[in-house]
Each structure stands twice: as structure tokens, then as C-alpha cells.
Amino acid sequence: CESSPGDHARKHFEHTGHPVMRSFEP
């Protein structure tokens, strides 16, 4: 998530353009 140091979910969107994500928490 954006709170994580890597912020990889957003980086994935910026790289692929895939617009929708969902929480992957139980």
C-alpha cells in the first residue's frame, strides 16, 4: 500500500495503467 516504503501497488498502476485494485487483507 501507499503507507509502505515501496508503494508498489501504485507503481504497478503507473507502469501498467491497470486502474482498479482491492484490499488483499483478510
mmCIF file of all heavy atoms, coordinates in Angstrom:
data_MODEL
# 
_entry.id   MODEL 
# 
loop_
_atom_site.group_PDB 
_atom_site.id 
_atom_site.type_symbol 
_atom_site.label_atom_id 
_atom_site.label_alt_id 
_atom_site.label_comp_id 
_atom_site.label_asym_id 
_atom_site.label_entity_id 
_atom_site.label_seq_id 
_atom_site.pdbx_PDB_ins_code 
_atom_site.Cartn_x 
_atom_site.Cartn_y 
_atom_site.Cartn_z 
_atom_site.occupancy 
_atom_site.B_iso_or_equiv 
_atom_site.pdbx_formal_charge 
_atom_site.auth_seq_id 
_atom_site.auth_comp_id 
_atom_site.auth_asym_id 
_atom_site.auth_atom_id 
_atom_site.pdbx_PDB_model_num 
ATOM 1   N N   . CYS A 1 1  ? 0.827   -1.206  0.000   1.00 0.00 ? 1  CYS A N   1 
ATOM 2   C CA  . CYS A 1 1  ? 0.000   0.000   0.000   1.00 0.00 ? 1  CYS A CA  1 
ATOM 3   C C   . CYS A 1 1  ? 0.864   1.261   0.000   1.00 0.00 ? 1  CYS A C   1 
ATOM 4   O O   . CYS A 1 1  ? 2.092   1.212   0.073   1.00 0.00 ? 1  CYS A O   1 
ATOM 5   C CB  . CYS A 1 1  ? -0.905  0.006   1.226   1.00 0.00 ? 1  CYS A CB  1 
ATOM 6   S SG  . CYS A 1 1  ? 0.002   0.144   2.776   1.00 0.00 ? 1  CYS A SG  1 
ATOM 7   N N   . GLU A 1 2  ? 0.176   2.408   -0.061  1.00 0.00 ? 2  GLU A N   1 
ATOM 8   C CA  . GLU A 1 2  ? 0.878   3.686   -0.117  1.00 0.00 ? 2  GLU A CA  1 
ATOM 9   C C   . GLU A 1 2  ? 1.603   4.000   1.177   1.00 0.00 ? 2  GLU A C   1 
ATOM 10  O O   . GLU A 1 2  ? 2.553   4.788   1.189   1.00 0.00 ? 2  GLU A O   1 
ATOM 11  C CB  . GLU A 1 2  ? -0.110  4.797   -0.451  1.00 0.00 ? 2  GLU A CB  1 
ATOM 12  C CG  . GLU A 1 2  ? -0.726  4.652   -1.837  1.00 0.00 ? 2  GLU A CG  1 
ATOM 13  C CD  . GLU A 1 2  ? -1.640  5.812   -2.169  1.00 0.00 ? 2  GLU A CD  1 
ATOM 14  O OE1 . GLU A 1 2  ? -1.857  6.663   -1.288  1.00 0.00 ? 2  GLU A OE1 1 
ATOM 15  O OE2 . GLU A 1 2  ? -2.135  5.871   -3.302  1.00 0.00 ? 2  GLU A OE2 1 
ATOM 16  N N   . SER A 1 3  ? 1.177   3.413   2.281   1.00 0.00 ? 3  SER A N   1 
ATOM 17  C CA  . SER A 1 3  ? 1.865   3.637   3.551   1.00 0.00 ? 3  SER A CA  1 
ATOM 18  C C   . SER A 1 3  ? 3.171   2.859   3.640   1.00 0.00 ? 3  SER A C   1 
ATOM 19  O O   . SER A 1 3  ? 4.014   3.155   4.482   1.00 0.00 ? 3  SER A O   1 
ATOM 20  C CB  . SER A 1 3  ? 0.959   3.251   4.726   1.00 0.00 ? 3  SER A CB  1 
ATOM 21  O OG  . SER A 1 3  ? -0.159  4.105   4.774   1.00 0.00 ? 3  SER A OG  1 
ATOM 22  N N   . SER A 1 4  ? 3.313   1.845   2.804   1.00 0.00 ? 4  SER A N   1 
ATOM 23  C CA  . SER A 1 4  ? 4.537   1.040   2.808   1.00 0.00 ? 4  SER A CA  1 
ATOM 24  C C   . SER A 1 4  ? 5.672   1.808   2.132   1.00 0.00 ? 4  SER A C   1 
ATOM 25  O O   . SER A 1 4  ? 5.428   2.625   1.236   1.00 0.00 ? 4  SER A O   1 
ATOM 26  C CB  . SER A 1 4  ? 4.290   -0.280  2.079   1.00 0.00 ? 4  SER A CB  1 
ATOM 27  O OG  . SER A 1 4  ? 3.205   -0.980  2.661   1.00 0.00 ? 4  SER A OG  1 
ATOM 28  N N   . PRO A 1 5  ? 6.907   1.546   2.530   1.00 0.00 ? 5  PRO A N   1 
ATOM 29  C CA  . PRO A 1 5  ? 8.036   2.279   1.917   1.00 0.00 ? 5  PRO A CA  1 
ATOM 30  C C   . PRO A 1 5  ? 8.119   2.105   0.411   1.00 0.00 ? 5  PRO A C   1 
ATOM 31  O O   . PRO A 1 5  ? 8.472   3.034   -0.312  1.00 0.00 ? 5  PRO A O   1 
ATOM 32  C CB  . PRO A 1 5  ? 9.260   1.670   2.624   1.00 0.00 ? 5  PRO A CB  1 
ATOM 33  C CG  . PRO A 1 5  ? 8.732   1.135   3.921   1.00 0.00 ? 5  PRO A CG  1 
ATOM 34  C CD  . PRO A 1 5  ? 7.337   0.671   3.636   1.00 0.00 ? 5  PRO A CD  1 
ATOM 35  N N   . GLY A 1 6  ? 7.761   0.916   -0.098  1.00 0.00 ? 6  GLY A N   1 
ATOM 36  C CA  . GLY A 1 6  ? 7.880   0.680   -1.530  1.00 0.00 ? 6  GLY A CA  1 
ATOM 37  C C   . GLY A 1 6  ? 6.739   1.236   -2.354  1.00 0.00 ? 6  GLY A C   1 
ATOM 38  O O   . GLY A 1 6  ? 6.918   1.581   -3.525  1.00 0.00 ? 6  GLY A O   1 
ATOM 39  N N   . ASP A 1 7  ? 5.528   1.316   -1.799  1.00 0.00 ? 7  ASP A N   1 
ATOM 40  C CA  . ASP A 1 7  ? 4.343   1.810   -2.512  1.00 0.00 ? 7  ASP A CA  1 
ATOM 41  C C   . ASP A 1 7  ? 4.208   1.096   -3.867  1.00 0.00 ? 7  ASP A C   1 
ATOM 42  O O   . ASP A 1 7  ? 3.965   1.714   -4.906  1.00 0.00 ? 7  ASP A O   1 
ATOM 43  C CB  . ASP A 1 7  ? 4.439   3.322   -2.705  1.00 0.00 ? 7  ASP A CB  1 
ATOM 44  C CG  . ASP A 1 7  ? 3.123   3.926   -3.193  1.00 0.00 ? 7  ASP A CG  1 
ATOM 45  O OD1 . ASP A 1 7  ? 2.101   3.208   -3.184  1.00 0.00 ? 7  ASP A OD1 1 
ATOM 46  O OD2 . ASP A 1 7  ? 3.123   5.095   -3.611  1.00 0.00 ? 7  ASP A OD2 1 
ATOM 47  N N   . HIS A 1 8  ? 4.346   -0.248  -3.869  1.00 0.00 ? 8  HIS A N   1 
ATOM 48  C CA  . HIS A 1 8  ? 4.424   -0.977  -5.126  1.00 0.00 ? 8  HIS A CA  1 
ATOM 49  C C   . HIS A 1 8  ? 3.084   -1.114  -5.826  1.00 0.00 ? 8  HIS A C   1 
ATOM 50  O O   . HIS A 1 8  ? 3.052   -1.315  -7.053  1.00 0.00 ? 8  HIS A O   1 
ATOM 51  C CB  . HIS A 1 8  ? 5.043   -2.357  -4.884  1.00 0.00 ? 8  HIS A CB  1 
ATOM 52  C CG  . HIS A 1 8  ? 6.495   -2.280  -4.523  1.00 0.00 ? 8  HIS A CG  1 
ATOM 53  N ND1 . HIS A 1 8  ? 6.980   -2.702  -3.312  1.00 0.00 ? 8  HIS A ND1 1 
ATOM 54  C CD2 . HIS A 1 8  ? 7.573   -1.800  -5.206  1.00 0.00 ? 8  HIS A CD2 1 
ATOM 55  C CE1 . HIS A 1 8  ? 8.299   -2.514  -3.258  1.00 0.00 ? 8  HIS A CE1 1 
ATOM 56  N NE2 . HIS A 1 8  ? 8.682   -1.965  -4.399  1.00 0.00 ? 8  HIS A NE2 1 
ATOM 57  N N   . ALA A 1 9  ? 1.970   -1.047  -5.107  1.00 0.00 ? 9  ALA A N   1 
ATOM 58  C CA  . ALA A 1 9  ? 0.668   -1.126  -5.774  1.00 0.00 ? 9  ALA A CA  1 
ATOM 59  C C   . ALA A 1 9  ? 0.472   0.068   -6.703  1.00 0.00 ? 9  ALA A C   1 
ATOM 60  O O   . ALA A 1 9  ? 0.019   -0.076  -7.844  1.00 0.00 ? 9  ALA A O   1 
ATOM 61  C CB  . ALA A 1 9  ? -0.452  -1.194  -4.739  1.00 0.00 ? 9  ALA A CB  1 
ATOM 62  N N   . ARG A 1 10 ? 0.805   1.261   -6.236  1.00 0.00 ? 10 ARG A N   1 
ATOM 63  C CA  . ARG A 1 10 ? 0.680   2.449   -7.087  1.00 0.00 ? 10 ARG A CA  1 
ATOM 64  C C   . ARG A 1 10 ? 1.694   2.398   -8.237  1.00 0.00 ? 10 ARG A C   1 
ATOM 65  O O   . ARG A 1 10 ? 1.373   2.777   -9.375  1.00 0.00 ? 10 ARG A O   1 
ATOM 66  C CB  . ARG A 1 10 ? 0.868   3.728   -6.264  1.00 0.00 ? 10 ARG A CB  1 
ATOM 67  C CG  . ARG A 1 10 ? 0.870   5.010   -7.094  1.00 0.00 ? 10 ARG A CG  1 
ATOM 68  C CD  . ARG A 1 10 ? 0.912   6.237   -6.230  1.00 0.00 ? 10 ARG A CD  1 
ATOM 69  N NE  . ARG A 1 10 ? -0.339  6.415   -5.508  1.00 0.00 ? 10 ARG A NE  1 
ATOM 70  C CZ  . ARG A 1 10 ? -1.430  6.989   -6.036  1.00 0.00 ? 10 ARG A CZ  1 
ATOM 71  N NH1 . ARG A 1 10 ? -1.422  7.426   -7.291  1.00 0.00 ? 10 ARG A NH1 1 
ATOM 72  N NH2 . ARG A 1 10 ? -2.520  7.129   -5.318  1.00 0.00 ? 10 ARG A NH2 1 
ATOM 73  N N   . LYS A 1 11 ? 2.897   1.957   -7.937  1.00 0.00 ? 11 LYS A N   1 
ATOM 74  C CA  . LYS A 1 11 ? 3.898   1.865   -9.001  1.00 0.00 ? 11 LYS A CA  1 
ATOM 75  C C   . LYS A 1 11 ? 3.445   0.892   -10.086 1.00 0.00 ? 11 LYS A C   1 
ATOM 76  O O   . LYS A 1 11 ? 3.691   1.107   -11.279 1.00 0.00 ? 11 LYS A O   1 
ATOM 77  C CB  . LYS A 1 11 ? 5.243   1.438   -8.412  1.00 0.00 ? 11 LYS A CB  1 
ATOM 78  C CG  . LYS A 1 11 ? 5.895   2.512   -7.542  1.00 0.00 ? 11 LYS A CG  1 
ATOM 79  C CD  . LYS A 1 11 ? 7.201   2.004   -6.944  1.00 0.00 ? 11 LYS A CD  1 
ATOM 80  C CE  . LYS A 1 11 ? 7.846   3.095   -6.080  1.00 0.00 ? 11 LYS A CE  1 
ATOM 81  N NZ  . LYS A 1 11 ? 9.096   2.611   -5.427  1.00 0.00 ? 11 LYS A NZ  1 
ATOM 82  N N   . HIS A 1 12 ? 2.767   -0.173  -9.679  1.00 0.00 ? 12 HIS A N   1 
ATOM 83  C CA  . HIS A 1 12 ? 2.236   -1.117  -10.664 1.00 0.00 ? 12 HIS A CA  1 
ATOM 84  C C   . HIS A 1 12 ? 1.195   -0.437  -11.548 1.00 0.00 ? 12 HIS A C   1 
ATOM 85  O O   . HIS A 1 12 ? 1.179   -0.653  -12.778 1.00 0.00 ? 12 HIS A O   1 
ATOM 86  C CB  . HIS A 1 12 ? 1.625   -2.318  -9.944  1.00 0.00 ? 12 HIS A CB  1 
ATOM 87  C CG  . HIS A 1 12 ? 0.936   -3.282  -10.855 1.00 0.00 ? 12 HIS A CG  1 
ATOM 88  N ND1 . HIS A 1 12 ? 1.609   -4.151  -11.678 1.00 0.00 ? 12 HIS A ND1 1 
ATOM 89  C CD2 . HIS A 1 12 ? -0.396  -3.509  -11.086 1.00 0.00 ? 12 HIS A CD2 1 
ATOM 90  C CE1 . HIS A 1 12 ? 0.744   -4.875  -12.369 1.00 0.00 ? 12 HIS A CE1 1 
ATOM 91  N NE2 . HIS A 1 12 ? -0.480  -4.507  -12.025 1.00 0.00 ? 12 HIS A NE2 1 
ATOM 92  N N   . PHE A 1 13 ? 0.313   0.367   -10.952 1.00 0.00 ? 13 PHE A N   1 
ATOM 93  C CA  . PHE A 1 13 ? -0.680  1.105   -11.748 1.00 0.00 ? 13 PHE A CA  1 
ATOM 94  C C   . PHE A 1 13 ? 0.010   2.057   -12.722 1.00 0.00 ? 13 PHE A C   1 
ATOM 95  O O   . PHE A 1 13 ? -0.360  2.131   -13.898 1.00 0.00 ? 13 PHE A O   1 
ATOM 96  C CB  . PHE A 1 13 ? -1.618  1.877   -10.821 1.00 0.00 ? 13 PHE A CB  1 
ATOM 97  C CG  . PHE A 1 13 ? -2.279  3.063   -11.464 1.00 0.00 ? 13 PHE A CG  1 
ATOM 98  C CD1 . PHE A 1 13 ? -3.238  2.903   -12.444 1.00 0.00 ? 13 PHE A CD1 1 
ATOM 99  C CD2 . PHE A 1 13 ? -1.904  4.348   -11.102 1.00 0.00 ? 13 PHE A CD2 1 
ATOM 100 C CE1 . PHE A 1 13 ? -3.825  4.002   -13.056 1.00 0.00 ? 13 PHE A CE1 1 
ATOM 101 C CE2 . PHE A 1 13 ? -2.484  5.457   -11.693 1.00 0.00 ? 13 PHE A CE2 1 
ATOM 102 C CZ  . PHE A 1 13 ? -3.452  5.281   -12.683 1.00 0.00 ? 13 PHE A CZ  1 
ATOM 103 N N   . GLU A 1 14 ? 1.011   2.794   -12.220 1.00 0.00 ? 14 GLU A N   1 
ATOM 104 C CA  . GLU A 1 14 ? 1.695   3.756   -13.089 1.00 0.00 ? 14 GLU A CA  1 
ATOM 105 C C   . GLU A 1 14 ? 2.416   3.058   -14.244 1.00 0.00 ? 14 GLU A C   1 
ATOM 106 O O   . GLU A 1 14 ? 2.542   3.616   -15.344 1.00 0.00 ? 14 GLU A O   1 
ATOM 107 C CB  . GLU A 1 14 ? 2.686   4.574   -12.253 1.00 0.00 ? 14 GLU A CB  1 
ATOM 108 C CG  . GLU A 1 14 ? 2.006   5.481   -11.237 1.00 0.00 ? 14 GLU A CG  1 
ATOM 109 C CD  . GLU A 1 14 ? 2.986   6.137   -10.293 1.00 0.00 ? 14 GLU A CD  1 
ATOM 110 O OE1 . GLU A 1 14 ? 4.174   5.713   -10.296 1.00 0.00 ? 14 GLU A OE1 1 
ATOM 111 O OE2 . GLU A 1 14 ? 2.591   7.050   -9.542  1.00 0.00 ? 14 GLU A OE2 1 
ATOM 112 N N   . HIS A 1 15 ? 2.861   1.813   -14.024 1.00 0.00 ? 15 HIS A N   1 
ATOM 113 C CA  . HIS A 1 15 ? 3.587   1.091   -15.064 1.00 0.00 ? 15 HIS A CA  1 
ATOM 114 C C   . HIS A 1 15 ? 2.644   0.415   -16.055 1.00 0.00 ? 15 HIS A C   1 
ATOM 115 O O   . HIS A 1 15 ? 2.910   0.394   -17.273 1.00 0.00 ? 15 HIS A O   1 
ATOM 116 C CB  . HIS A 1 15 ? 4.504   0.049   -14.419 1.00 0.00 ? 15 HIS A CB  1 
ATOM 117 C CG  . HIS A 1 15 ? 5.229   -0.812  -15.407 1.00 0.00 ? 15 HIS A CG  1 
ATOM 118 N ND1 . HIS A 1 15 ? 6.239   -0.325  -16.215 1.00 0.00 ? 15 HIS A ND1 1 
ATOM 119 C CD2 . HIS A 1 15 ? 5.090   -2.144  -15.718 1.00 0.00 ? 15 HIS A CD2 1 
ATOM 120 C CE1 . HIS A 1 15 ? 6.680   -1.293  -16.985 1.00 0.00 ? 15 HIS A CE1 1 
ATOM 121 N NE2 . HIS A 1 15 ? 6.008   -2.407  -16.712 1.00 0.00 ? 15 HIS A NE2 1 
ATOM 122 N N   . THR A 1 16 ? 1.517   -0.132  -15.567 1.00 0.00 ? 16 THR A N   1 
ATOM 123 C CA  . THR A 1 16 ? 0.624   -0.922  -16.430 1.00 0.00 ? 16 THR A CA  1 
ATOM 124 C C   . THR A 1 16 ? -0.628  -0.177  -16.855 1.00 0.00 ? 16 THR A C   1 
ATOM 125 O O   . THR A 1 16 ? -1.247  -0.543  -17.853 1.00 0.00 ? 16 THR A O   1 
ATOM 126 C CB  . THR A 1 16 ? 0.204   -2.208  -15.701 1.00 0.00 ? 16 THR A CB  1 
ATOM 127 O OG1 . THR A 1 16 ? -0.566  -1.857  -14.532 1.00 0.00 ? 16 THR A OG1 1 
ATOM 128 C CG2 . THR A 1 16 ? 1.430   -3.017  -15.282 1.00 0.00 ? 16 THR A CG2 1 
ATOM 129 N N   . GLY A 1 17 ? -1.053  0.827   -16.059 1.00 0.00 ? 17 GLY A N   1 
ATOM 130 C CA  . GLY A 1 17 ? -2.311  1.506   -16.344 1.00 0.00 ? 17 GLY A CA  1 
ATOM 131 C C   . GLY A 1 17 ? -3.527  0.754   -15.852 1.00 0.00 ? 17 GLY A C   1 
ATOM 132 O O   . GLY A 1 17 ? -4.663  1.166   -16.128 1.00 0.00 ? 17 GLY A O   1 
ATOM 133 N N   . HIS A 1 18 ? -3.341  -0.351  -15.115 1.00 0.00 ? 18 HIS A N   1 
ATOM 134 C CA  . HIS A 1 18 ? -4.476  -1.091  -14.565 1.00 0.00 ? 18 HIS A CA  1 
ATOM 135 C C   . HIS A 1 18 ? -5.102  -0.258  -13.444 1.00 0.00 ? 18 HIS A C   1 
ATOM 136 O O   . HIS A 1 18 ? -4.440  -0.014  -12.421 1.00 0.00 ? 18 HIS A O   1 
ATOM 137 C CB  . HIS A 1 18 ? -4.023  -2.442  -14.024 1.00 0.00 ? 18 HIS A CB  1 
ATOM 138 C CG  . HIS A 1 18 ? -3.456  -3.333  -15.084 1.00 0.00 ? 18 HIS A CG  1 
ATOM 139 N ND1 . HIS A 1 18 ? -2.728  -4.471  -14.790 1.00 0.00 ? 18 HIS A ND1 1 
ATOM 140 C CD2 . HIS A 1 18 ? -3.501  -3.258  -16.447 1.00 0.00 ? 18 HIS A CD2 1 
ATOM 141 C CE1 . HIS A 1 18 ? -2.347  -5.055  -15.928 1.00 0.00 ? 18 HIS A CE1 1 
ATOM 142 N NE2 . HIS A 1 18 ? -2.815  -4.334  -16.942 1.00 0.00 ? 18 HIS A NE2 1 
ATOM 143 N N   . PRO A 1 19 ? -6.372  0.178   -13.581 1.00 0.00 ? 19 PRO A N   1 
ATOM 144 C CA  . PRO A 1 19 ? -6.886  1.230   -12.692 1.00 0.00 ? 19 PRO A CA  1 
ATOM 145 C C   . PRO A 1 19 ? -7.410  0.755   -11.342 1.00 0.00 ? 19 PRO A C   1 
ATOM 146 O O   . PRO A 1 19 ? -7.428  1.526   -10.388 1.00 0.00 ? 19 PRO A O   1 
ATOM 147 C CB  . PRO A 1 19 ? -8.024  1.849   -13.512 1.00 0.00 ? 19 PRO A CB  1 
ATOM 148 C CG  . PRO A 1 19 ? -8.522  0.719   -14.363 1.00 0.00 ? 19 PRO A CG  1 
ATOM 149 C CD  . PRO A 1 19 ? -7.324  -0.128  -14.683 1.00 0.00 ? 19 PRO A CD  1 
ATOM 150 N N   . VAL A 1 20 ? -7.894  -0.490  -11.236 1.00 0.00 ? 20 VAL A N   1 
ATOM 151 C CA  . VAL A 1 20 ? -8.634  -0.891  -10.035 1.00 0.00 ? 20 VAL A CA  1 
ATOM 152 C C   . VAL A 1 20 ? -7.847  -1.926  -9.246  1.00 0.00 ? 20 VAL A C   1 
ATOM 153 O O   . VAL A 1 20 ? -7.354  -2.918  -9.807  1.00 0.00 ? 20 VAL A O   1 
ATOM 154 C CB  . VAL A 1 20 ? -10.016 -1.466  -10.401 1.00 0.00 ? 20 VAL A CB  1 
ATOM 155 C CG1 . VAL A 1 20 ? -10.774 -1.879  -9.136  1.00 0.00 ? 20 VAL A CG1 1 
ATOM 156 C CG2 . VAL A 1 20 ? -10.828 -0.436  -11.178 1.00 0.00 ? 20 VAL A CG2 1 
ATOM 157 N N   . MET A 1 21 ? -7.719  -1.682  -7.986  1.00 0.00 ? 21 MET A N   1 
ATOM 158 C CA  . MET A 1 21 ? -7.144  -2.666  -7.073  1.00 0.00 ? 21 MET A CA  1 
ATOM 159 C C   . MET A 1 21 ? -8.105  -2.839  -5.902  1.00 0.00 ? 21 MET A C   1 
ATOM 160 O O   . MET A 1 21 ? -8.990  -2.028  -5.680  1.00 0.00 ? 21 MET A O   1 
ATOM 161 C CB  . MET A 1 21 ? -5.767  -2.208  -6.582  1.00 0.00 ? 21 MET A CB  1 
ATOM 162 C CG  . MET A 1 21 ? -5.758  -0.975  -5.728  1.00 0.00 ? 21 MET A CG  1 
ATOM 163 S SD  . MET A 1 21 ? -6.063  -1.295  -3.984  1.00 0.00 ? 21 MET A SD  1 
ATOM 164 C CE  . MET A 1 21 ? -5.910  0.361   -3.285  1.00 0.00 ? 21 MET A CE  1 
ATOM 165 N N   . ARG A 1 22 ? -7.918  -3.911  -5.169  1.00 0.00 ? 22 ARG A N   1 
ATOM 166 C CA  . ARG A 1 22 ? -8.723  -4.162  -3.970  1.00 0.00 ? 22 ARG A CA  1 
ATOM 167 C C   . ARG A 1 22 ? -7.806  -4.540  -2.817  1.00 0.00 ? 22 ARG A C   1 
ATOM 168 O O   . ARG A 1 22 ? -6.644  -4.908  -3.014  1.00 0.00 ? 22 ARG A O   1 
ATOM 169 C CB  . ARG A 1 22 ? -9.748  -5.262  -4.195  1.00 0.00 ? 22 ARG A CB  1 
ATOM 170 C CG  . ARG A 1 22 ? -9.158  -6.616  -4.515  1.00 0.00 ? 22 ARG A CG  1 
ATOM 171 C CD  . ARG A 1 22 ? -10.180 -7.729  -4.326  1.00 0.00 ? 22 ARG A CD  1 
ATOM 172 N NE  . ARG A 1 22 ? -10.392 -8.017  -2.912  1.00 0.00 ? 22 ARG A NE  1 
ATOM 173 C CZ  . ARG A 1 22 ? -11.378 -8.784  -2.461  1.00 0.00 ? 22 ARG A CZ  1 
ATOM 174 N NH1 . ARG A 1 22 ? -12.257 -9.295  -3.288  1.00 0.00 ? 22 ARG A NH1 1 
ATOM 175 N NH2 . ARG A 1 22 ? -11.497 -9.020  -1.167  1.00 0.00 ? 22 ARG A NH2 1 
ATOM 176 N N   . SER A 1 23 ? -8.351  -4.419  -1.624  1.00 0.00 ? 23 SER A N   1 
ATOM 177 C CA  . SER A 1 23 ? -7.571  -4.814  -0.454  1.00 0.00 ? 23 SER A CA  1 
ATOM 178 C C   . SER A 1 23 ? -7.320  -6.320  -0.495  1.00 0.00 ? 23 SER A C   1 
ATOM 179 O O   . SER A 1 23 ? -8.212  -7.105  -0.826  1.00 0.00 ? 23 SER A O   1 
ATOM 180 C CB  . SER A 1 23 ? -8.316  -4.439  0.825   1.00 0.00 ? 23 SER A CB  1 
ATOM 181 O OG  . SER A 1 23 ? -7.651  -4.963  1.956   1.00 0.00 ? 23 SER A OG  1 
ATOM 182 N N   . PHE A 1 24 ? -6.108  -6.698  -0.149  1.00 0.00 ? 24 PHE A N   1 
ATOM 183 C CA  . PHE A 1 24 ? -5.744  -8.110  -0.096  1.00 0.00 ? 24 PHE A CA  1 
ATOM 184 C C   . PHE A 1 24 ? -5.526  -8.532  1.353   1.00 0.00 ? 24 PHE A C   1 
ATOM 185 O O   . PHE A 1 24 ? -4.714  -9.401  1.661   1.00 0.00 ? 24 PHE A O   1 
ATOM 186 C CB  . PHE A 1 24 ? -4.486  -8.358  -0.936  1.00 0.00 ? 24 PHE A CB  1 
ATOM 187 C CG  . PHE A 1 24 ? -4.286  -9.801  -1.318  1.00 0.00 ? 24 PHE A CG  1 
ATOM 188 C CD1 . PHE A 1 24 ? -5.349  -10.551 -1.812  1.00 0.00 ? 24 PHE A CD1 1 
ATOM 189 C CD2 . PHE A 1 24 ? -3.044  -10.412 -1.184  1.00 0.00 ? 24 PHE A CD2 1 
ATOM 190 C CE1 . PHE A 1 24 ? -5.163  -11.885 -2.158  1.00 0.00 ? 24 PHE A CE1 1 
ATOM 191 C CE2 . PHE A 1 24 ? -2.849  -11.742 -1.527  1.00 0.00 ? 24 PHE A CE2 1 
ATOM 192 C CZ  . PHE A 1 24 ? -3.912  -12.479 -2.022  1.00 0.00 ? 24 PHE A CZ  1 
ATOM 193 N N   . GLU A 1 25 ? -6.278  -7.859  2.243   1.00 0.00 ? 25 GLU A N   1 
ATOM 194 C CA  . GLU A 1 25 ? -6.235  -8.191  3.666   1.00 0.00 ? 25 GLU A CA  1 
ATOM 195 C C   . GLU A 1 25 ? -7.427  -9.073  4.012   1.00 0.00 ? 25 GLU A C   1 
ATOM 196 O O   . GLU A 1 25 ? -8.508  -8.909  3.448   1.00 0.00 ? 25 GLU A O   1 
ATOM 197 C CB  . GLU A 1 25 ? -6.266  -6.915  4.514   1.00 0.00 ? 25 GLU A CB  1 
ATOM 198 C CG  . GLU A 1 25 ? -5.092  -5.986  4.287   1.00 0.00 ? 25 GLU A CG  1 
ATOM 199 C CD  . GLU A 1 25 ? -3.786  -6.561  4.790   1.00 0.00 ? 25 GLU A CD  1 
ATOM 200 O OE1 . GLU A 1 25 ? -3.805  -7.282  5.791   1.00 0.00 ? 25 GLU A OE1 1 
ATOM 201 O OE2 . GLU A 1 25 ? -2.737  -6.288  4.160   1.00 0.00 ? 25 GLU A OE2 1 
ATOM 202 N N   . PRO A 1 26 ? -7.275  -10.021 4.943   1.00 0.00 ? 26 PRO A N   1 
ATOM 203 C CA  . PRO A 1 26 ? -8.383  -10.910 5.311   1.00 0.00 ? 26 PRO A CA  1 
ATOM 204 C C   . PRO A 1 26 ? -9.587  -10.130 5.831   1.00 0.00 ? 26 PRO A C   1 
ATOM 205 O O   . PRO A 1 26 ? -9.447  -9.205  6.633   1.00 0.00 ? 26 PRO A O   1 
ATOM 206 C CB  . PRO A 1 26 ? -7.781  -11.789 6.423   1.00 0.00 ? 26 PRO A CB  1 
ATOM 207 C CG  . PRO A 1 26 ? -6.309  -11.736 6.186   1.00 0.00 ? 26 PRO A CG  1 
ATOM 208 C CD  . PRO A 1 26 ? -6.026  -10.375 5.638   1.00 0.00 ? 26 PRO A CD  1 
# 
